Amino acid sequence: MFEKLAYAAGPAAGQPQVNPLLSFAPFFLLLGVFYFLLIRPQQKKQKEMQTMIDALKKGDRVVTAGGILGTVTSLQDDYVVLKIGDNEQTKIEILKSSISGLRNK
């Protein structure tokens, strides 16, 4: 019975009220950490990859996401033609989005 009265009375006059925004502060801090450690670096890497793909030119040596090494022989809007191997007849068409990087010449 006394517990119900104590809860119904509310906080004592000498105790300060806690700001409700302070209770969410750890959540906002965690969101900030996730943004700067996970989201922002991924966006930067994606932007660099898009810049590299846009700058492709004939003669560049590239590696695909599947691990195929080749030389760019022609560029189209959404795909490239790669020459793979020593034979001039061995060519494949791949999407630009599947190029994962440039190789040194």
PDB file of N, CA and C in Angstrom:
ATOM      1  N   MET A   1       0.813  -1.181   0.000  1.00  0.00           N
ATOM      2  CA  MET A   1       0.000   0.000   0.000  1.00  0.00           C
ATOM      3  C   MET A   1       0.869   1.262   0.000  1.00  0.00           C
ATOM      4  N   PHE A   2       1.935   1.245   0.778  1.00  0.00           N
ATOM      5  CA  PHE A   2       2.803   2.419   0.825  1.00  0.00           C
ATOM      6  C   PHE A   2       3.560   2.613  -0.489  1.00  0.00           C
ATOM      7  N   GLU A   3       3.809   1.497  -1.206  1.00  0.00           N
ATOM      8  CA  GLU A   3       4.503   1.605  -2.490  1.00  0.00           C
ATOM      9  C   GLU A   3       3.644   2.377  -3.489  1.00  0.00           C
ATOM     10  N   LYS A   4       2.350   2.106  -3.506  1.00  0.00           N
ATOM     11  CA  LYS A   4       1.461   2.802  -4.426  1.00  0.00           C
ATOM     12  C   LYS A   4       1.423   4.296  -4.121  1.00  0.00           C
ATOM     13  N   LEU A   5       1.444   4.646  -2.870  1.00  0.00           N
ATOM     14  CA  LEU A   5       1.441   6.049  -2.504  1.00  0.00           C
ATOM     15  C   LEU A   5       2.762   6.722  -2.911  1.00  0.00           C
ATOM     16  N   ALA A   6       3.851   5.998  -2.769  1.00  0.00           N
ATOM     17  CA  ALA A   6       5.158   6.567  -3.123  1.00  0.00           C
ATOM     18  C   ALA A   6       5.249   6.809  -4.625  1.00  0.00           C
ATOM     19  N   TYR A   7       4.715   5.878  -5.416  1.00  0.00           N
ATOM     20  CA  TYR A   7       4.752   6.060  -6.861  1.00  0.00           C
ATOM     21  C   TYR A   7       3.784   7.160  -7.303  1.00  0.00           C
ATOM     22  N   ALA A   8       2.677   7.261  -6.667  1.00  0.00           N
ATOM     23  CA  ALA A   8       1.679   8.252  -7.041  1.00  0.00           C
ATOM     24  C   ALA A   8       2.122   9.672  -6.683  1.00  0.00           C
ATOM     25  N   ALA A   9       3.026   9.801  -5.742  1.00  0.00           N
ATOM     26  CA  ALA A   9       3.435  11.120  -5.283  1.00  0.00           C
ATOM     27  C   ALA A   9       4.314  11.825  -6.315  1.00  0.00           C
ATOM     28  N   GLY A  10       5.004  11.092  -7.193  1.00  0.00           N
ATOM     29  CA  GLY A  10       5.880  11.716  -8.179  1.00  0.00           C
ATOM     30  C   GLY A  10       7.237  12.006  -7.578  1.00  0.00           C
ATOM     31  N   PRO A  11       8.074  12.688  -8.297  1.00  0.00           N
ATOM     32  CA  PRO A  11       9.419  12.971  -7.782  1.00  0.00           C
ATOM     33  C   PRO A  11       9.359  13.986  -6.650  1.00  0.00           C
ATOM     34  N   ALA A  12      10.320  13.877  -5.798  1.00  0.00           N
ATOM     35  CA  ALA A  12      10.380  14.807  -4.663  1.00  0.00           C
ATOM     36  C   ALA A  12      10.735  16.198  -5.170  1.00  0.00           C
ATOM     37  N   ALA A  13      10.472  17.170  -4.385  1.00  0.00           N
ATOM     38  CA  ALA A  13      10.689  18.558  -4.790  1.00  0.00           C
ATOM     39  C   ALA A  13      12.175  18.864  -4.976  1.00  0.00           C
ATOM     40  N   GLY A  14      13.051  18.183  -4.260  1.00  0.00           N
ATOM     41  CA  GLY A  14      14.478  18.447  -4.339  1.00  0.00           C
ATOM     42  C   GLY A  14      15.168  17.733  -5.506  1.00  0.00           C
ATOM     43  N   GLN A  15      14.500  16.786  -6.147  1.00  0.00           N
ATOM     44  CA  GLN A  15      15.130  16.025  -7.235  1.00  0.00           C
ATOM     45  C   GLN A  15      14.847  16.694  -8.574  1.00  0.00           C
ATOM     46  N   PRO A  16      15.893  16.920  -9.372  1.00  0.00           N
ATOM     47  CA  PRO A  16      15.670  17.569 -10.676  1.00  0.00           C
ATOM     48  C   PRO A  16      15.068  16.592 -11.685  1.00  0.00           C
ATOM     49  N   GLN A  17      14.333  17.123 -12.624  1.00  0.00           N
ATOM     50  CA  GLN A  17      13.738  16.325 -13.697  1.00  0.00           C
ATOM     51  C   GLN A  17      14.822  16.015 -14.739  1.00  0.00           C
ATOM     52  N   VAL A  18      14.807  14.803 -15.283  1.00  0.00           N
ATOM     53  CA  VAL A  18      15.769  14.410 -16.316  1.00  0.00           C
ATOM     54  C   VAL A  18      15.205  14.821 -17.670  1.00  0.00           C
ATOM     55  N   ASN A  19      16.043  15.460 -18.471  1.00  0.00           N
ATOM     56  CA  ASN A  19      15.629  15.879 -19.811  1.00  0.00           C
ATOM     57  C   ASN A  19      15.402  14.629 -20.672  1.00  0.00           C
ATOM     58  N   PRO A  20      14.257  14.501 -21.337  1.00  0.00           N
ATOM     59  CA  PRO A  20      13.995  13.311 -22.149  1.00  0.00           C
ATOM     60  C   PRO A  20      14.979  13.155 -23.312  1.00  0.00           C
ATOM     61  N   LEU A  21      15.538  14.248 -23.811  1.00  0.00           N
ATOM     62  CA  LEU A  21      16.505  14.149 -24.907  1.00  0.00           C
ATOM     63  C   LEU A  21      17.795  13.475 -24.460  1.00  0.00           C
ATOM     64  N   LEU A  22      18.138  13.625 -23.189  1.00  0.00           N
ATOM     65  CA  LEU A  22      19.343  12.982 -22.680  1.00  0.00           C
ATOM     66  C   LEU A  22      19.216  11.461 -22.669  1.00  0.00           C
ATOM     67  N   SER A  23      18.006  10.964 -22.549  1.00  0.00           N
ATOM     68  CA  SER A  23      17.835   9.514 -22.573  1.00  0.00           C
ATOM     69  C   SER A  23      18.057   8.951 -23.976  1.00  0.00           C
ATOM     70  N   PHE A  24      17.911   9.783 -25.023  1.00  0.00           N
ATOM     71  CA  PHE A  24      18.157   9.348 -26.396  1.00  0.00           C
ATOM     72  C   PHE A  24      19.576   9.656 -26.864  1.00  0.00           C
ATOM     73  N   ALA A  25      20.362  10.324 -26.066  1.00  0.00           N
ATOM     74  CA  ALA A  25      21.719  10.710 -26.460  1.00  0.00           C
ATOM     75  C   ALA A  25      22.591   9.518 -26.845  1.00  0.00           C
ATOM     76  N   PRO A  26      22.594   8.398 -26.109  1.00  0.00           N
ATOM     77  CA  PRO A  26      23.418   7.258 -26.544  1.00  0.00           C
ATOM     78  C   PRO A  26      22.989   6.712 -27.907  1.00  0.00           C
ATOM     79  N   PHE A  27      21.718   6.748 -28.192  1.00  0.00           N
ATOM     80  CA  PHE A  27      21.227   6.279 -29.493  1.00  0.00           C
ATOM     81  C   PHE A  27      21.743   7.170 -30.621  1.00  0.00           C
ATOM     82  N   PHE A  28      21.673   8.493 -30.421  1.00  0.00           N
ATOM     83  CA  PHE A  28      22.170   9.419 -31.440  1.00  0.00           C
ATOM     84  C   PHE A  28      23.688   9.305 -31.598  1.00  0.00           C
ATOM     85  N   LEU A  29      24.381   9.089 -30.509  1.00  0.00           N
ATOM     86  CA  LEU A  29      25.828   8.897 -30.557  1.00  0.00           C
ATOM     87  C   LEU A  29      26.176   7.636 -31.346  1.00  0.00           C
ATOM     88  N   LEU A  30      25.437   6.577 -31.131  1.00  0.00           N
ATOM     89  CA  LEU A  30      25.657   5.327 -31.865  1.00  0.00           C
ATOM     90  C   LEU A  30      25.377   5.506 -33.352  1.00  0.00           C
ATOM     91  N   LEU A  31      24.340   6.255 -33.709  1.00  0.00           N
ATOM     92  CA  LEU A  31      24.061   6.541 -35.119  1.00  0.00           C
ATOM     93  C   LEU A  31      25.203   7.328 -35.757  1.00  0.00           C
ATOM     94  N   GLY A  32      25.750   8.287 -35.045  1.00  0.00           N
ATOM     95  CA  GLY A  32      26.882   9.058 -35.547  1.00  0.00           C
ATOM     96  C   GLY A  32      28.112   8.198 -35.775  1.00  0.00           C
ATOM     97  N   VAL A  33      28.387   7.289 -34.862  1.00  0.00           N
ATOM     98  CA  VAL A  33      29.527   6.390 -35.015  1.00  0.00           C
ATOM     99  C   VAL A  33      29.325   5.486 -36.218  1.00  0.00           C
ATOM    100  N   PHE A  34      28.143   4.925 -36.386  1.00  0.00           N
ATOM    101  CA  PHE A  34      27.861   4.080 -37.545  1.00  0.00           C
ATOM    102  C   PHE A  34      28.024   4.855 -38.844  1.00  0.00           C
ATOM    103  N   TYR A  35      27.586   6.095 -38.864  1.00  0.00           N
ATOM    104  CA  TYR A  35      27.701   6.890 -40.087  1.00  0.00           C
ATOM    105  C   TYR A  35      29.164   7.096 -40.458  1.00  0.00           C
ATOM    106  N   PHE A  36      29.981   7.525 -39.497  1.00  0.00           N
ATOM    107  CA  PHE A  36      31.371   7.855 -39.804  1.00  0.00           C
ATOM    108  C   PHE A  36      32.257   6.626 -39.970  1.00  0.00           C
ATOM    109  N   LEU A  37      31.900   5.495 -39.386  1.00  0.00           N
ATOM    110  CA  LEU A  37      32.743   4.308 -39.509  1.00  0.00           C
ATOM    111  C   LEU A  37      32.278   3.332 -40.586  1.00  0.00           C
ATOM    112  N   LEU A  38      31.012   3.343 -40.945  1.00  0.00           N
ATOM    113  CA  LEU A  38      30.505   2.364 -41.907  1.00  0.00           C
ATOM    114  C   LEU A  38      29.929   2.988 -43.172  1.00  0.00           C
ATOM    115  N   ILE A  39      29.016   3.900 -43.032  1.00  0.00           N
ATOM    116  CA  ILE A  39      28.277   4.416 -44.191  1.00  0.00           C
ATOM    117  C   ILE A  39      29.136   5.351 -45.028  1.00  0.00           C
ATOM    118  N   ARG A  40      29.789   6.308 -44.418  1.00  0.00           N
ATOM    119  CA  ARG A  40      30.571   7.300 -45.166  1.00  0.00           C
ATOM    120  C   ARG A  40      31.734   6.685 -45.947  1.00  0.00           C
ATOM    121  N   PRO A  41      32.533   5.779 -45.359  1.00  0.00           N
ATOM    122  CA  PRO A  41      33.604   5.165 -46.150  1.00  0.00           C
ATOM    123  C   PRO A  41      33.075   4.340 -47.319  1.00  0.00           C
ATOM    124  N   GLN A  42      31.942   3.672 -47.142  1.00  0.00           N
ATOM    125  CA  GLN A  42      31.368   2.891 -48.235  1.00  0.00           C
ATOM    126  C   GLN A  42      30.914   3.798 -49.373  1.00  0.00           C
ATOM    127  N   GLN A  43      30.321   4.940 -49.052  1.00  0.00           N
ATOM    128  CA  GLN A  43      29.908   5.889 -50.085  1.00  0.00           C
ATOM    129  C   GLN A  43      31.114   6.440 -50.829  1.00  0.00           C
ATOM    130  N   LYS A  44      32.201   6.698 -50.119  1.00  0.00           N
ATOM    131  CA  LYS A  44      33.420   7.204 -50.743  1.00  0.00           C
ATOM    132  C   LYS A  44      34.010   6.159 -51.689  1.00  0.00           C
ATOM    133  N   LYS A  45      34.038   4.909 -51.259  1.00  0.00           N
ATOM    134  CA  LYS A  45      34.563   3.825 -52.100  1.00  0.00           C
ATOM    135  C   LYS A  45      33.701   3.650 -53.342  1.00  0.00           C
ATOM    136  N   GLN A  46      32.387   3.725 -53.200  1.00  0.00           N
ATOM    137  CA  GLN A  46      31.479   3.583 -54.329  1.00  0.00           C
ATOM    138  C   GLN A  46      31.664   4.731 -55.326  1.00  0.00           C
ATOM    139  N   LYS A  47      31.883   5.943 -54.832  1.00  0.00           N
ATOM    140  CA  LYS A  47      32.098   7.092 -55.706  1.00  0.00           C
ATOM    141  C   LYS A  47      33.413   6.941 -56.479  1.00  0.00           C
ATOM    142  N   GLU A  48      34.471   6.466 -55.814  1.00  0.00           N
ATOM    143  CA  GLU A  48      35.755   6.234 -56.483  1.00  0.00           C
ATOM    144  C   GLU A  48      35.620   5.161 -57.565  1.00  0.00           C
ATOM    145  N   MET A  49      34.866   4.114 -57.284  1.00  0.00           N
ATOM    146  CA  MET A  49      34.660   3.032 -58.254  1.00  0.00           C
ATOM    147  C   MET A  49      33.908   3.555 -59.473  1.00  0.00           C
ATOM    148  N   GLN A  50      32.889   4.378 -59.262  1.00  0.00           N
ATOM    149  CA  GLN A  50      32.129   4.938 -60.380  1.00  0.00           C
ATOM    150  C   GLN A  50      33.010   5.864 -61.217  1.00  0.00           C
ATOM    151  N   THR A  51      33.871   6.634 -60.571  1.00  0.00           N
ATOM    152  CA  THR A  51      34.796   7.509 -61.291  1.00  0.00           C
ATOM    153  C   THR A  51      35.755   6.689 -62.141  1.00  0.00           C
ATOM    154  N   MET A  52      36.249   5.578 -61.596  1.00  0.00           N
ATOM    155  CA  MET A  52      37.157   4.700 -62.331  1.00  0.00           C
ATOM    156  C   MET A  52      36.457   4.092 -63.541  1.00  0.00           C
ATOM    157  N   ILE A  53      35.228   3.660 -63.387  1.00  0.00           N
ATOM    158  CA  ILE A  53      34.485   3.051 -64.490  1.00  0.00           C
ATOM    159  C   ILE A  53      34.188   4.087 -65.568  1.00  0.00           C
ATOM    160  N   ASP A  54      33.852   5.307 -65.161  1.00  0.00           N
ATOM    161  CA  ASP A  54      33.582   6.363 -66.140  1.00  0.00           C
ATOM    162  C   ASP A  54      34.837   6.763 -66.915  1.00  0.00           C
ATOM    163  N   ALA A  55      36.021   6.573 -66.316  1.00  0.00           N
ATOM    164  CA  ALA A  55      37.277   6.977 -66.948  1.00  0.00           C
ATOM    165  C   ALA A  55      37.915   5.857 -67.773  1.00  0.00           C
ATOM    166  N   LEU A  56      37.241   4.720 -67.923  1.00  0.00           N
ATOM    167  CA  LEU A  56      37.811   3.622 -68.711  1.00  0.00           C
ATOM    168  C   LEU A  56      38.030   4.062 -70.154  1.00  0.00           C
ATOM    169  N   LYS A  57      39.104   3.559 -70.742  1.00  0.00           N
ATOM    170  CA  LYS A  57      39.379   3.862 -72.145  1.00  0.00           C
ATOM    171  C   LYS A  57      39.940   2.612 -72.814  1.00  0.00           C
ATOM    172  N   LYS A  58      39.972   2.638 -74.113  1.00  0.00           N
ATOM    173  CA  LYS A  58      40.467   1.514 -74.892  1.00  0.00           C
ATOM    174  C   LYS A  58      41.936   1.266 -74.538  1.00  0.00           C
ATOM    175  N   GLY A  59      42.272  -0.001 -74.291  1.00  0.00           N
ATOM    176  CA  GLY A  59      43.634  -0.377 -73.950  1.00  0.00           C
ATOM    177  C   GLY A  59      43.879  -0.563 -72.464  1.00  0.00           C
ATOM    178  N   ASP A  60      42.938  -0.172 -71.605  1.00  0.00           N
ATOM    179  CA  ASP A  60      43.099  -0.369 -70.165  1.00  0.00           C
ATOM    180  C   ASP A  60      43.025  -1.858 -69.832  1.00  0.00           C
ATOM    181  N   ARG A  61      43.891  -2.273 -68.914  1.00  0.00           N
ATOM    182  CA  ARG A  61      43.826  -3.655 -68.414  1.00  0.00           C
ATOM    183  C   ARG A  61      42.966  -3.641 -67.153  1.00  0.00           C
ATOM    184  N   VAL A  62      41.965  -4.513 -67.121  1.00  0.00           N
ATOM    185  CA  VAL A  62      41.017  -4.529 -66.007  1.00  0.00           C
ATOM    186  C   VAL A  62      40.871  -5.937 -65.454  1.00  0.00           C
ATOM    187  N   VAL A  63      40.330  -6.016 -64.256  1.00  0.00           N
ATOM    188  CA  VAL A  63      39.956  -7.279 -63.647  1.00  0.00           C
ATOM    189  C   VAL A  63      38.468  -7.207 -63.331  1.00  0.00           C
ATOM    190  N   THR A  64      37.747  -8.284 -63.621  1.00  0.00           N
ATOM    191  CA  THR A  64      36.304  -8.308 -63.372  1.00  0.00           C
ATOM    192  C   THR A  64      36.024  -8.856 -61.978  1.00  0.00           C
ATOM    193  N   ALA A  65      34.779  -8.768 -61.569  1.00  0.00           N
ATOM    194  CA  ALA A  65      34.383  -9.283 -60.264  1.00  0.00           C
ATOM    195  C   ALA A  65      34.559 -10.798 -60.201  1.00  0.00           C
ATOM    196  N   GLY A  66      34.516 -11.473 -61.349  1.00  0.00           N
ATOM    197  CA  GLY A  66      34.712 -12.913 -61.396  1.00  0.00           C
ATOM    198  C   GLY A  66      36.169 -13.322 -61.473  1.00  0.00           C
ATOM    199  N   GLY A  67      37.086 -12.341 -61.537  1.00  0.00           N
ATOM    200  CA  GLY A  67      38.502 -12.643 -61.561  1.00  0.00           C
ATOM    201  C   GLY A  67      39.095 -12.762 -62.949  1.00  0.00           C
ATOM    202  N   ILE A  68      38.369 -12.386 -63.978  1.00  0.00           N
ATOM    203  CA  ILE A  68      38.870 -12.456 -65.347  1.00  0.00           C
ATOM    204  C   ILE A  68      39.699 -11.212 -65.638  1.00  0.00           C
ATOM    205  N   LEU A  69      40.904 -11.432 -66.167  1.00  0.00           N
ATOM    206  CA  LEU A  69      41.775 -10.328 -66.550  1.00  0.00           C
ATOM    207  C   LEU A  69      41.636 -10.107 -68.047  1.00  0.00           C
ATOM    208  N   GLY A  70      41.572  -8.855 -68.464  1.00  0.00           N
ATOM    209  CA  GLY A  70      41.436  -8.575 -69.881  1.00  0.00           C
ATOM    210  C   GLY A  70      41.810  -7.145 -70.209  1.00  0.00           C
ATOM    211  N   THR A  71      41.850  -6.879 -71.507  1.00  0.00           N
ATOM    212  CA  THR A  71      42.156  -5.550 -72.014  1.00  0.00           C
ATOM    213  C   THR A  71      40.928  -5.006 -72.719  1.00  0.00           C
ATOM    214  N   VAL A  72      40.563  -3.774 -72.423  1.00  0.00           N
ATOM    215  CA  VAL A  72      39.384  -3.155 -73.017  1.00  0.00           C
ATOM    216  C   VAL A  72      39.656  -2.912 -74.502  1.00  0.00           C
ATOM    217  N   THR A  73      38.774  -3.446 -75.368  1.00  0.00           N
ATOM    218  CA  THR A  73      38.924  -3.198 -76.804  1.00  0.00           C
ATOM    219  C   THR A  73      37.875  -2.227 -77.316  1.00  0.00           C
ATOM    220  N   SER A  74      36.708  -2.181 -76.688  1.00  0.00           N
ATOM    221  CA  SER A  74      35.708  -1.183 -77.060  1.00  0.00           C
ATOM    222  C   SER A  74      34.778  -0.928 -75.885  1.00  0.00           C
ATOM    223  N   LEU A  75      34.194   0.259 -75.885  1.00  0.00           N
ATOM    224  CA  LEU A  75      33.285   0.687 -74.817  1.00  0.00           C
ATOM    225  C   LEU A  75      31.918   0.988 -75.409  1.00  0.00           C
ATOM    226  N   GLN A  76      30.880   0.571 -74.726  1.00  0.00           N
ATOM    227  CA  GLN A  76      29.505   0.892 -75.079  1.00  0.00           C
ATOM    228  C   GLN A  76      28.888   1.619 -73.889  1.00  0.00           C
ATOM    229  N   ASP A  77      27.597   1.887 -73.940  1.00  0.00           N
ATOM    230  CA  ASP A  77      26.946   2.617 -72.849  1.00  0.00           C
ATOM    231  C   ASP A  77      27.006   1.868 -71.528  1.00  0.00           C
ATOM    232  N   ASP A  78      26.618   0.592 -71.536  1.00  0.00           N
ATOM    233  CA  ASP A  78      26.546  -0.149 -70.287  1.00  0.00           C
ATOM    234  C   ASP A  78      27.433  -1.386 -70.244  1.00  0.00           C
ATOM    235  N   TYR A  79      28.191  -1.657 -71.299  1.00  0.00           N
ATOM    236  CA  TYR A  79      29.091  -2.801 -71.276  1.00  0.00           C
ATOM    237  C   TYR A  79      30.374  -2.485 -72.030  1.00  0.00           C
ATOM    238  N   VAL A  80      31.376  -3.332 -71.792  1.00  0.00           N
ATOM    239  CA  VAL A  80      32.667  -3.206 -72.464  1.00  0.00           C
ATOM    240  C   VAL A  80      33.000  -4.549 -73.108  1.00  0.00           C
ATOM    241  N   VAL A  81      33.817  -4.502 -74.145  1.00  0.00           N
ATOM    242  CA  VAL A  81      34.313  -5.719 -74.787  1.00  0.00           C
ATOM    243  C   VAL A  81      35.760  -5.884 -74.337  1.00  0.00           C
ATOM    244  N   LEU A  82      36.059  -7.061 -73.769  1.00  0.00           N
ATOM    245  CA  LEU A  82      37.397  -7.353 -73.285  1.00  0.00           C
ATOM    246  C   LEU A  82      38.067  -8.394 -74.160  1.00  0.00           C
ATOM    247  N   LYS A  83      39.341  -8.188 -74.424  1.00  0.00           N
ATOM    248  CA  LYS A  83      40.157  -9.211 -75.075  1.00  0.00           C
ATOM    249  C   LYS A  83      40.852  -9.962 -73.948  1.00  0.00           C
ATOM    250  N   ILE A  84      40.639 -11.274 -73.902  1.00  0.00           N
ATOM    251  CA  ILE A  84      41.265 -12.071 -72.852  1.00  0.00           C
ATOM    252  C   ILE A  84      42.227 -13.055 -73.498  1.00  0.00           C
ATOM    253  N   GLY A  85      43.344 -13.275 -72.883  1.00  0.00           N
ATOM    254  CA  GLY A  85      44.340 -14.201 -73.407  1.00  0.00           C
ATOM    255  C   GLY A  85      45.160 -13.571 -74.518  1.00  0.00           C
ATOM    256  N   ASP A  86      46.032 -14.396 -75.140  1.00  0.00           N
ATOM    257  CA  ASP A  86      46.921 -13.925 -76.200  1.00  0.00           C
ATOM    258  C   ASP A  86      46.253 -13.926 -77.562  1.00  0.00           C
ATOM    259  N   ASN A  87      45.204 -14.696 -77.722  1.00  0.00           N
ATOM    260  CA  ASN A  87      44.528 -14.822 -79.002  1.00  0.00           C
ATOM    261  C   ASN A  87      43.669 -13.582 -79.260  1.00  0.00           C
ATOM    262  N   GLU A  88      43.774 -12.994 -80.438  1.00  0.00           N
ATOM    263  CA  GLU A  88      42.974 -11.806 -80.785  1.00  0.00           C
ATOM    264  C   GLU A  88      41.490 -12.139 -80.920  1.00  0.00           C
ATOM    265  N   GLN A  89      41.153 -13.397 -81.149  1.00  0.00           N
ATOM    266  CA  GLN A  89      39.760 -13.785 -81.376  1.00  0.00           C
ATOM    267  C   GLN A  89      38.986 -13.980 -80.069  1.00  0.00           C
ATOM    268  N   THR A  90      39.667 -14.070 -78.944  1.00  0.00           N
ATOM    269  CA  THR A  90      38.998 -14.341 -77.677  1.00  0.00           C
ATOM    270  C   THR A  90      38.545 -13.028 -77.048  1.00  0.00           C
ATOM    271  N   LYS A  91      37.282 -12.710 -77.239  1.00  0.00           N
ATOM    272  CA  LYS A  91      36.706 -11.482 -76.696  1.00  0.00           C
ATOM    273  C   LYS A  91      35.410 -11.813 -75.973  1.00  0.00           C
ATOM    274  N   ILE A  92      35.145 -11.073 -74.924  1.00  0.00           N
ATOM    275  CA  ILE A  92      33.897 -11.242 -74.181  1.00  0.00           C
ATOM    276  C   ILE A  92      33.297  -9.867 -73.922  1.00  0.00           C
ATOM    277  N   GLU A  93      31.992  -9.839 -73.752  1.00  0.00           N
ATOM    278  CA  GLU A  93      31.280  -8.624 -73.377  1.00  0.00           C
ATOM    279  C   GLU A  93      30.882  -8.756 -71.915  1.00  0.00           C
ATOM    280  N   ILE A  94      31.185  -7.720 -71.146  1.00  0.00           N
ATOM    281  CA  ILE A  94      30.791  -7.719 -69.743  1.00  0.00           C
ATOM    282  C   ILE A  94      30.169  -6.371 -69.401  1.00  0.00           C
ATOM    283  N   LEU A  95      29.360  -6.366 -68.376  1.00  0.00           N
ATOM    284  CA  LEU A  95      28.773  -5.114 -67.900  1.00  0.00           C
ATOM    285  C   LEU A  95      29.843  -4.263 -67.230  1.00  0.00           C
ATOM    286  N   LYS A  96      29.720  -2.967 -67.362  1.00  0.00           N
ATOM    287  CA  LYS A  96      30.669  -2.066 -66.717  1.00  0.00           C
ATOM    288  C   LYS A  96      30.630  -2.216 -65.214  1.00  0.00           C
ATOM    289  N   SER A  97      29.466  -2.527 -64.673  1.00  0.00           N
ATOM    290  CA  SER A  97      29.330  -2.652 -63.223  1.00  0.00           C
ATOM    291  C   SER A  97      30.064  -3.864 -62.668  1.00  0.00           C
ATOM    292  N   SER A  98      30.457  -4.820 -63.522  1.00  0.00           N
ATOM    293  CA  SER A  98      31.167  -5.995 -63.025  1.00  0.00           C
ATOM    294  C   SER A  98      32.681  -5.822 -63.058  1.00  0.00           C
ATOM    295  N   ILE A  99      33.155  -4.656 -63.471  1.00  0.00           N
ATOM    296  CA  ILE A  99      34.592  -4.378 -63.430  1.00  0.00           C
ATOM    297  C   ILE A  99      34.939  -3.981 -62.002  1.00  0.00           C
ATOM    298  N   SER A 100      35.920  -4.677 -61.423  1.00  0.00           N
ATOM    299  CA  SER A 100      36.251  -4.395 -60.032  1.00  0.00           C
ATOM    300  C   SER A 100      37.523  -3.591 -59.856  1.00  0.00           C
ATOM    301  N   GLY A 101      38.331  -3.452 -60.918  1.00  0.00           N
ATOM    302  CA  GLY A 101      39.524  -2.634 -60.771  1.00  0.00           C
ATOM    303  C   GLY A 101      40.386  -2.609 -62.004  1.00  0.00           C
ATOM    304  N   LEU A 102      41.356  -1.702 -61.983  1.00  0.00           N
ATOM    305  CA  LEU A 102      42.335  -1.601 -63.063  1.00  0.00           C
ATOM    306  C   LEU A 102      43.584  -2.380 -62.666  1.00  0.00           C
ATOM    307  N   ARG A 103      44.263  -2.929 -63.665  1.00  0.00           N
ATOM    308  CA  ARG A 103      45.519  -3.645 -63.445  1.00  0.00           C
ATOM    309  C   ARG A 103      46.663  -2.789 -63.979  1.00  0.00           C
ATOM    310  N   ASN A 104      47.846  -2.972 -63.427  1.00  0.00           N
ATOM    311  CA  ASN A 104      49.024  -2.272 -63.940  1.00  0.00           C
ATOM    312  C   ASN A 104      49.409  -2.850 -65.292  1.00  0.00           C
ATOM    313  N   LYS A 105      49.938  -2.023 -66.159  1.00  0.00           N
ATOM    314  CA  LYS A 105      50.313  -2.499 -67.480  1.00  0.00           C
ATOM    315  C   LYS A 105      51.602  -3.268 -67.448  1.00  0.00           C
TER     316      LYS A 105
END
